Protein backbone atom coordinates (compact mmCIF):
# COMPACT_ATOMS: atom_id res chain seq x y z
CA MET A 1 44.26 -26.72 -64.28
CA ALA A 2 43.35 -23.21 -63.01
CA LEU A 3 40.46 -23.02 -65.49
CA SER A 4 39.02 -26.30 -64.22
CA ILE A 5 38.94 -25.04 -60.59
CA ALA A 6 37.17 -21.80 -61.64
CA ALA A 7 34.57 -23.73 -63.57
CA LEU A 8 33.94 -25.97 -60.61
CA THR A 9 33.48 -22.92 -58.37
CA VAL A 10 30.97 -21.41 -60.75
CA THR A 11 28.93 -24.57 -60.88
CA LEU A 12 28.91 -24.93 -57.05
CA MET A 13 27.72 -21.38 -56.23
CA PRO A 14 24.17 -21.68 -57.58
CA SER A 15 23.79 -24.96 -55.70
CA CYS A 16 24.60 -23.26 -52.31
CA GLY A 17 22.13 -20.42 -53.05
CA ASN A 18 19.33 -22.89 -53.71
CA LYS A 19 19.94 -24.57 -50.37
CA GLN A 20 19.70 -21.20 -48.52
CA GLN A 21 16.46 -20.35 -50.30
CA GLN A 22 15.06 -23.74 -49.38
CA ARG A 23 16.02 -23.25 -45.73
CA ALA A 24 14.45 -19.74 -45.69
CA ALA A 25 11.26 -21.09 -47.23
CA THR A 26 10.98 -23.92 -44.71
CA PRO A 27 7.98 -23.32 -42.39
CA ILE A 28 8.91 -22.81 -38.71
CA ALA A 29 6.85 -24.31 -35.94
CA TYR A 30 5.40 -21.54 -33.72
CA LYS A 31 2.82 -21.70 -30.99
CA THR A 32 -0.17 -19.70 -32.17
CA ILE A 33 -3.48 -18.63 -30.64
CA LYS A 34 -6.70 -17.12 -31.89
CA VAL A 35 -7.41 -13.98 -29.93
CA LYS A 36 -10.78 -13.27 -28.38
CA ALA A 37 -12.43 -10.53 -26.34
CA GLU A 38 -12.35 -11.15 -22.59
CA ASP A 39 -12.82 -9.38 -19.26
CA ARG A 40 -9.94 -8.78 -16.89
CA THR A 41 -9.47 -7.27 -13.44
CA ILE A 42 -5.97 -5.84 -13.23
CA ASP A 43 -4.36 -4.80 -9.96
CA THR A 44 -2.33 -1.63 -10.35
CA LYS A 45 0.10 -0.60 -7.61
CA TYR A 46 1.11 2.88 -6.52
CA SER A 47 3.80 3.71 -3.96
CA ALA A 48 2.20 5.20 -0.86
CA THR A 49 3.02 6.88 2.44
CA ILE A 50 0.87 6.52 5.56
CA ARG A 51 -0.10 9.33 7.92
CA GLY A 52 -2.42 9.56 10.90
CA ARG A 53 -5.72 11.31 10.39
CA GLN A 54 -4.38 13.98 12.73
CA ASP A 55 -0.71 14.43 13.58
CA ILE A 56 -0.80 17.22 16.15
CA GLN A 57 2.41 18.77 17.40
CA VAL A 58 2.28 19.48 21.13
CA LEU A 59 4.04 22.75 22.07
CA PRO A 60 3.97 24.37 25.53
CA GLN A 61 2.22 27.74 25.90
CA VAL A 62 4.47 28.85 28.79
CA SER A 63 8.18 28.59 29.50
CA GLY A 64 9.83 26.72 32.31
CA GLN A 65 11.55 23.56 33.40
CA LEU A 66 9.91 20.24 32.62
CA THR A 67 9.17 18.65 36.00
CA GLN A 68 7.17 15.57 35.03
CA LEU A 69 6.57 13.27 32.04
CA CYS A 70 3.21 11.60 32.48
CA VAL A 71 3.23 9.38 29.36
CA THR A 72 5.55 7.10 27.45
CA GLU A 73 6.28 6.84 23.74
CA GLY A 74 3.64 4.89 21.84
CA GLN A 75 1.07 5.21 24.63
CA HIS A 76 -2.59 5.61 23.69
CA VAL A 77 -4.00 8.78 25.22
CA SER A 78 -7.40 10.45 25.39
CA LYS A 79 -8.25 14.05 24.66
CA GLY A 80 -7.52 16.14 27.77
CA GLN A 81 -5.19 13.60 29.36
CA THR A 82 -2.12 15.10 31.07
CA LEU A 83 1.09 14.61 29.07
CA PHE A 84 3.65 16.89 30.77
CA ILE A 85 3.92 19.21 33.76
CA ILE A 86 6.07 22.35 33.68
CA ASP A 87 7.43 23.93 36.87
CA GLN A 88 4.36 25.53 38.51
CA VAL A 89 6.02 27.45 41.37
CA PRO A 90 6.60 30.80 39.56
CA TYR A 91 3.16 30.70 37.98
CA GLN A 92 1.48 29.89 41.32
CA ALA A 93 3.33 32.80 42.87
CA ALA A 94 2.21 35.08 40.04
CA LEU A 95 -1.38 33.97 40.61
CA ASN A 96 -1.14 34.64 44.34
CA THR A 97 0.20 38.13 43.61
CA ALA A 98 -2.58 38.81 41.12
CA ARG A 99 -5.22 37.72 43.62
CA ALA A 100 -3.71 39.96 46.31
CA ASN A 101 -3.69 42.89 43.90
CA LEU A 102 -7.32 42.19 43.12
CA GLN A 103 -8.24 42.28 46.83
CA ALA A 104 -6.40 45.58 47.23
CA ALA A 105 -8.18 47.01 44.22
CA GLN A 106 -11.54 45.85 45.53
CA ALA A 107 -10.83 47.50 48.91
CA ALA A 108 -9.85 50.74 47.15
CA GLU A 109 -13.03 50.55 45.12
CA ALA A 110 -15.13 50.15 48.26
CA THR A 111 -13.43 53.17 49.85
CA ALA A 112 -13.92 55.26 46.72
CA LYS A 113 -17.57 54.27 46.64
CA LEU A 114 -18.13 55.36 50.24
CA SER A 115 -16.39 58.66 49.55
CA TYR A 116 -18.50 59.27 46.47
CA GLU A 117 -21.77 58.47 48.26
CA SER A 118 -20.82 60.78 51.16
CA THR A 119 -19.93 63.56 48.75
CA GLN A 120 -23.31 63.08 47.04
CA ASN A 121 -25.11 63.64 50.37
CA LEU A 122 -23.05 66.74 51.13
CA HIS A 123 -23.64 68.06 47.64
CA ALA A 124 -27.38 67.61 48.10
CA GLN A 125 -27.13 69.78 51.23
CA GLN A 126 -25.05 72.27 49.22
CA VAL A 127 -22.10 71.76 51.56
CA VAL A 128 -19.64 70.82 48.77
CA SER A 129 -19.31 72.11 45.25
CA ASP A 130 -19.96 70.40 41.94
CA PHE A 131 -16.20 70.09 41.51
CA ASP A 132 -15.88 68.06 44.73
CA LEU A 133 -18.70 65.76 43.60
CA GLN A 134 -17.13 65.20 40.18
CA THR A 135 -13.73 64.55 41.74
CA ALA A 136 -15.21 61.88 44.05
CA ASN A 137 -17.02 60.31 41.12
CA ASN A 138 -13.82 60.16 39.05
CA ALA A 139 -11.96 58.51 41.92
CA TYR A 140 -14.70 55.92 42.23
CA MET A 141 -14.63 55.19 38.46
CA GLN A 142 -10.83 54.87 38.56
CA ALA A 143 -11.09 52.40 41.46
CA LYS A 144 -13.62 50.30 39.49
CA ALA A 145 -11.23 50.26 36.49
CA SER A 146 -8.42 49.09 38.76
CA VAL A 147 -10.61 46.21 39.93
CA ALA A 148 -11.30 45.23 36.30
CA GLN A 149 -7.57 45.30 35.54
CA ALA A 150 -6.76 43.22 38.59
CA THR A 151 -9.48 40.73 37.68
CA ALA A 152 -8.00 40.34 34.17
CA ALA A 153 -4.56 39.84 35.70
CA VAL A 154 -5.95 37.04 37.87
CA VAL A 155 -7.50 35.36 34.80
CA ASN A 156 -4.18 35.60 32.93
CA ALA A 157 -2.29 34.18 35.89
CA GLU A 158 -4.79 31.33 36.22
CA ASN A 159 -4.44 30.54 32.53
CA SER A 160 -0.64 30.59 32.72
CA LEU A 161 -0.75 28.24 35.69
CA SER A 162 -3.13 25.91 33.84
CA TYR A 163 -0.80 25.89 30.83
CA THR A 164 1.91 24.32 32.99
CA VAL A 165 -0.18 21.13 32.74
CA VAL A 166 0.20 20.16 29.07
CA LYS A 167 -2.74 18.03 27.96
CA SER A 168 -3.42 15.90 24.90
CA PRO A 169 -5.32 17.86 22.20
CA ALA A 170 -6.96 14.71 20.80
CA ASN A 171 -7.33 10.96 21.12
CA GLY A 172 -4.32 9.23 19.66
CA VAL A 173 -0.87 7.77 20.14
CA VAL A 174 2.10 9.59 21.66
CA GLY A 175 5.12 9.97 19.41
CA THR A 176 8.74 10.44 20.40
CA LEU A 177 9.65 12.31 23.62
CA PRO A 178 12.78 14.36 22.84
CA TYR A 179 12.75 16.26 26.16
CA ARG A 180 13.32 14.82 29.63
CA VAL A 181 12.71 16.07 33.17
CA GLY A 182 14.77 19.19 33.85
CA ALA A 183 14.81 20.42 30.26
CA LEU A 184 13.94 24.08 29.70
CA VAL A 185 10.99 24.31 27.31
CA GLY A 186 8.93 27.13 25.87
CA PRO A 187 6.55 28.19 23.08
CA SER A 188 9.36 29.17 20.68
CA MET A 189 11.37 25.94 20.81
CA PRO A 190 11.96 24.33 17.38
CA THR A 191 11.05 20.75 18.31
CA PRO A 192 7.66 19.98 19.88
CA LEU A 193 7.33 18.16 23.19
CA THR A 194 5.77 15.29 21.22
CA THR A 195 3.28 14.54 18.47
CA VAL A 196 -0.11 12.98 19.13
CA SER A 197 -1.34 10.95 16.16
CA ASP A 198 -5.02 10.20 15.81
CA ASN A 199 -4.63 6.78 14.19
CA HIS A 200 -8.08 5.23 14.46
CA GLN A 201 -8.19 6.08 10.77
CA MET A 202 -5.13 6.52 8.57
CA TYR A 203 -4.58 8.65 5.50
CA VAL A 204 -2.65 6.91 2.73
CA TYR A 205 -1.16 9.25 0.12
CA PHE A 206 -0.14 8.10 -3.35
CA SER A 207 0.35 9.55 -6.83
CA MET A 208 -1.23 8.74 -10.17
CA THR A 209 -0.08 10.04 -13.54
CA GLU A 210 -2.03 12.90 -15.00
CA ALA A 211 -2.93 10.75 -18.03
CA GLN A 212 -4.41 8.01 -15.84
CA LEU A 213 -6.50 10.50 -13.87
CA LEU A 214 -7.69 12.24 -17.05
CA GLU A 215 -8.85 8.89 -18.41
CA LYS A 216 -10.95 8.31 -15.30
CA ILE A 217 -12.35 11.85 -15.36
CA ARG A 218 -13.41 11.46 -18.99
CA GLU A 219 -15.13 8.17 -18.18
CA ALA A 220 -16.98 9.64 -15.19
CA GLY A 221 -17.66 13.13 -16.53
CA SER A 222 -16.04 15.15 -13.73
CA ALA A 223 -13.26 14.94 -11.16
CA GLU A 224 -15.74 14.56 -8.29
CA ALA A 225 -17.61 11.78 -10.08
CA ALA A 226 -14.32 10.06 -10.94
CA ILE A 227 -13.31 9.97 -7.27
CA LYS A 228 -16.71 8.61 -6.22
CA ALA A 229 -16.60 5.97 -8.97
CA MET A 230 -13.22 4.62 -7.94
CA PRO A 231 -13.46 1.15 -6.39
CA ALA A 232 -12.40 0.16 -2.89
CA VAL A 233 -8.61 -0.02 -2.72
CA ARG A 234 -6.27 -2.37 -0.91
CA LEU A 235 -2.99 -1.71 0.86
CA GLN A 236 0.19 -3.74 0.55
CA LEU A 237 2.41 -3.27 3.59
CA ILE A 238 6.17 -2.88 3.59
CA ASP A 239 6.71 -6.60 4.32
CA GLY A 240 4.72 -7.59 1.23
CA SER A 241 1.62 -8.69 3.14
CA GLU A 242 -1.78 -7.24 2.37
CA TYR A 243 -3.67 -5.22 4.96
CA ASP A 244 -6.94 -6.86 5.99
CA GLN A 245 -9.02 -3.68 5.60
CA THR A 246 -10.02 -2.02 2.34
CA GLY A 247 -9.88 1.74 1.91
CA VAL A 248 -11.76 4.46 0.09
CA ILE A 249 -10.24 7.18 -2.08
CA GLU A 250 -11.49 10.50 -0.71
CA THR A 251 -9.71 13.28 -2.54
CA ALA A 252 -7.41 14.12 -5.43
CA SER A 253 -5.14 17.14 -5.56
CA GLY A 254 -6.13 19.82 -8.03
CA VAL A 255 -2.46 20.54 -8.80
CA VAL A 256 -0.19 18.54 -11.10
CA ASP A 257 3.40 18.14 -9.91
CA GLN A 258 5.42 19.69 -12.74
CA GLY A 259 8.48 17.65 -11.83
CA THR A 260 6.81 14.24 -12.03
CA GLY A 261 3.63 14.92 -14.02
CA SER A 262 1.60 13.21 -11.32
CA VAL A 263 -1.40 14.03 -9.15
CA SER A 264 -1.57 13.24 -5.44
CA LEU A 265 -4.55 11.27 -4.12
CA ARG A 266 -5.60 10.35 -0.58
CA ALA A 267 -7.28 7.16 0.58
CA VAL A 268 -8.55 6.51 4.11
CA PHE A 269 -8.25 3.17 5.92
CA ASN A 270 -9.71 2.16 9.27
CA ASN A 271 -7.06 1.12 11.78
CA PRO A 272 -8.89 -0.71 14.59
CA ASN A 273 -5.89 -2.79 15.70
CA GLY A 274 -3.29 -0.04 15.39
CA LEU A 275 -1.31 -1.97 12.78
CA LEU A 276 -0.73 1.10 10.62
CA HIS A 277 1.66 3.78 11.84
CA THR A 278 2.44 7.32 10.79
CA GLY A 279 5.49 7.43 8.53
CA SER A 280 5.11 3.89 7.19
CA THR A 281 5.21 3.14 3.47
CA GLY A 282 3.54 0.60 1.22
CA ASN A 283 1.60 0.25 -2.02
CA VAL A 284 -1.98 1.16 -2.78
CA ILE A 285 -3.60 -1.49 -4.98
CA ILE A 286 -6.41 -0.31 -7.25
CA PRO A 287 -8.34 -2.91 -9.26
CA VAL A 288 -9.04 -1.84 -12.84
CA GLN A 289 -11.92 -3.52 -14.68
CA MET A 290 -11.24 -4.08 -18.39
CA LYS A 291 -14.41 -5.18 -20.16
CA ASN A 292 -14.55 -6.97 -23.52
CA HIS A 293 -10.95 -6.37 -24.60
CA ILE A 294 -8.58 -8.60 -26.55
CA ILE A 295 -5.92 -10.08 -24.29
CA VAL A 296 -2.56 -11.25 -25.65
CA PRO A 297 0.39 -12.88 -23.83
CA ALA A 298 3.37 -10.66 -23.12
CA ALA A 299 5.56 -13.16 -25.01
CA ALA A 300 3.50 -12.46 -28.13
CA VAL A 301 4.38 -8.75 -28.12
CA LYS A 302 7.53 -7.26 -29.60
CA GLN A 303 8.35 -3.87 -28.09
CA LEU A 304 10.30 -1.29 -30.08
CA GLN A 305 10.59 1.70 -27.72
CA THR A 306 7.01 3.04 -27.65
CA VAL A 307 5.77 0.73 -30.45
CA HIS A 308 4.13 -2.62 -29.69
CA GLN A 309 3.90 -5.28 -32.41
CA VAL A 310 2.41 -8.72 -32.72
CA PHE A 311 2.81 -11.15 -35.62
CA LYS A 312 -0.48 -12.07 -37.19
CA VAL A 313 -0.66 -15.30 -39.17
CA VAL A 314 -2.09 -14.62 -42.65
CA GLN A 315 -2.48 -16.57 -45.87
CA LYS A 316 -0.25 -15.51 -48.78
CA ASP A 317 0.08 -17.58 -51.95
CA GLY A 318 -1.29 -20.59 -50.15
CA GLN A 319 1.22 -20.27 -47.31
CA ARG A 320 0.79 -19.25 -43.67
CA VAL A 321 3.01 -16.20 -43.20
CA ALA A 322 3.89 -14.00 -40.18
CA GLU A 323 2.81 -10.39 -40.71
CA ALA A 324 3.87 -7.65 -38.25
CA VAL A 325 0.97 -5.57 -36.93
CA ASN A 326 1.26 -2.52 -34.69
CA ILE A 327 -1.14 -2.56 -31.75
CA THR A 328 -2.19 -0.05 -29.10
CA VAL A 329 -2.10 -1.44 -25.58
CA SER A 330 -3.63 -0.24 -22.34
CA PRO A 331 -1.27 1.31 -19.77
CA TYR A 332 -2.65 -1.29 -17.36
CA ASN A 333 -1.22 -4.80 -17.69
CA THR A 334 -0.66 -7.83 -15.52
CA GLY A 335 2.99 -8.22 -16.43
CA LYS A 336 2.12 -11.49 -18.20
CA GLU A 337 -0.56 -10.13 -20.54
CA PHE A 338 -1.29 -7.00 -22.52
CA ILE A 339 -4.73 -5.46 -22.98
CA VAL A 340 -5.12 -4.56 -26.67
CA LEU A 341 -7.08 -1.39 -27.40
CA SER A 342 -6.67 -1.44 -31.19
CA GLY A 343 -4.87 -3.29 -33.98
CA LEU A 344 -6.40 -6.76 -33.55
CA LYS A 345 -9.83 -8.27 -33.99
CA ALA A 346 -11.37 -11.23 -32.26
CA GLY A 347 -10.74 -14.48 -34.15
CA GLU A 348 -7.44 -13.41 -35.68
CA GLU A 349 -4.50 -15.77 -35.22
CA ILE A 350 -1.19 -14.55 -33.80
CA ILE A 351 2.14 -16.07 -32.83
CA ALA A 352 1.90 -16.54 -29.07
CA GLU A 353 5.57 -16.93 -28.08
CA GLY A 354 8.99 -15.65 -29.07
CA ALA A 355 7.79 -12.54 -30.84
CA ALA A 356 11.20 -10.89 -30.46
CA LEU A 357 12.75 -13.59 -32.69
CA VAL A 358 10.09 -13.71 -35.40
CA LYS A 359 10.94 -12.22 -38.80
CA GLU A 360 8.47 -10.43 -41.01
CA GLY A 361 7.26 -12.81 -43.74
CA ALA A 362 8.46 -15.96 -41.98
CA MET A 363 6.49 -19.09 -42.97
CA VAL A 364 4.55 -20.50 -40.04
CA GLU A 365 3.94 -24.19 -39.59
């Protein structure tokens, strides 16, 4: 009885193996496409920060109590417009004193001049000695020097008084106002009275990898030519909307950030409606033109770390078979498609979907 069961098992095993081979050899229906060379414009995004063309910190040049705030936060101001007034009383008093000292010095100069001229006449008549003449001349010269010193003191006092009226250094928008009336301010304080941002044009800073910039430099021949050849860029705002003005890339940093391996670039955007503000963030969008390249769907690509594979459909022994092919893809992609730089030729047929599940050598229906 035991021998009969063993014999039955032996006869059944080859039958099961044949069924598995038949299933493995059964063609599987895959969606396939024939690749061709096409043109694509790919939008690449880079995180960006926005700054005013000029962000000027306003610091007082004299010390004193803040007596008047002449602007409000966010107000548009013109160059030379009064922003703050510092207590003027001590500086007006200092100016009055300097002017009085100047008048006294001028009177002393006039007296010294009369004395010198009189001594000259007496010296001509040989009434006084050369020593007396020289002494009178020295006194006159000293009086003139005192007038010059007093005049300089008046100028300094006038300047100090003028500095109590703090004016805008440029056209722009007033930032925060951390100090209020009565606060003691001075040139050495750590926080400025405010910041005036010239925002008729805005600088947008973003970073590009060193490899991406090198590619553009090689194409253009130099860094300067690469910057000039870059297309107009767009700006995506923090809410996801796109700014209605295009910008121009002006400069690229000559230093690579060792921590990130990236290079900083600066684009400039006009800001006629004041929509952009210093400190805002967004994304710079740069269109990349890819000419005459093979385009494959992302679903057709199997990624193994840094390796990208597609499955090409080839004829073997009269059967259509999936053959894995390594391809080189562009760093720029749409998220739905890959740009193939090498590994495929126009007209070749590939499996278009489900590449991650395809097995090497699978029969394709």
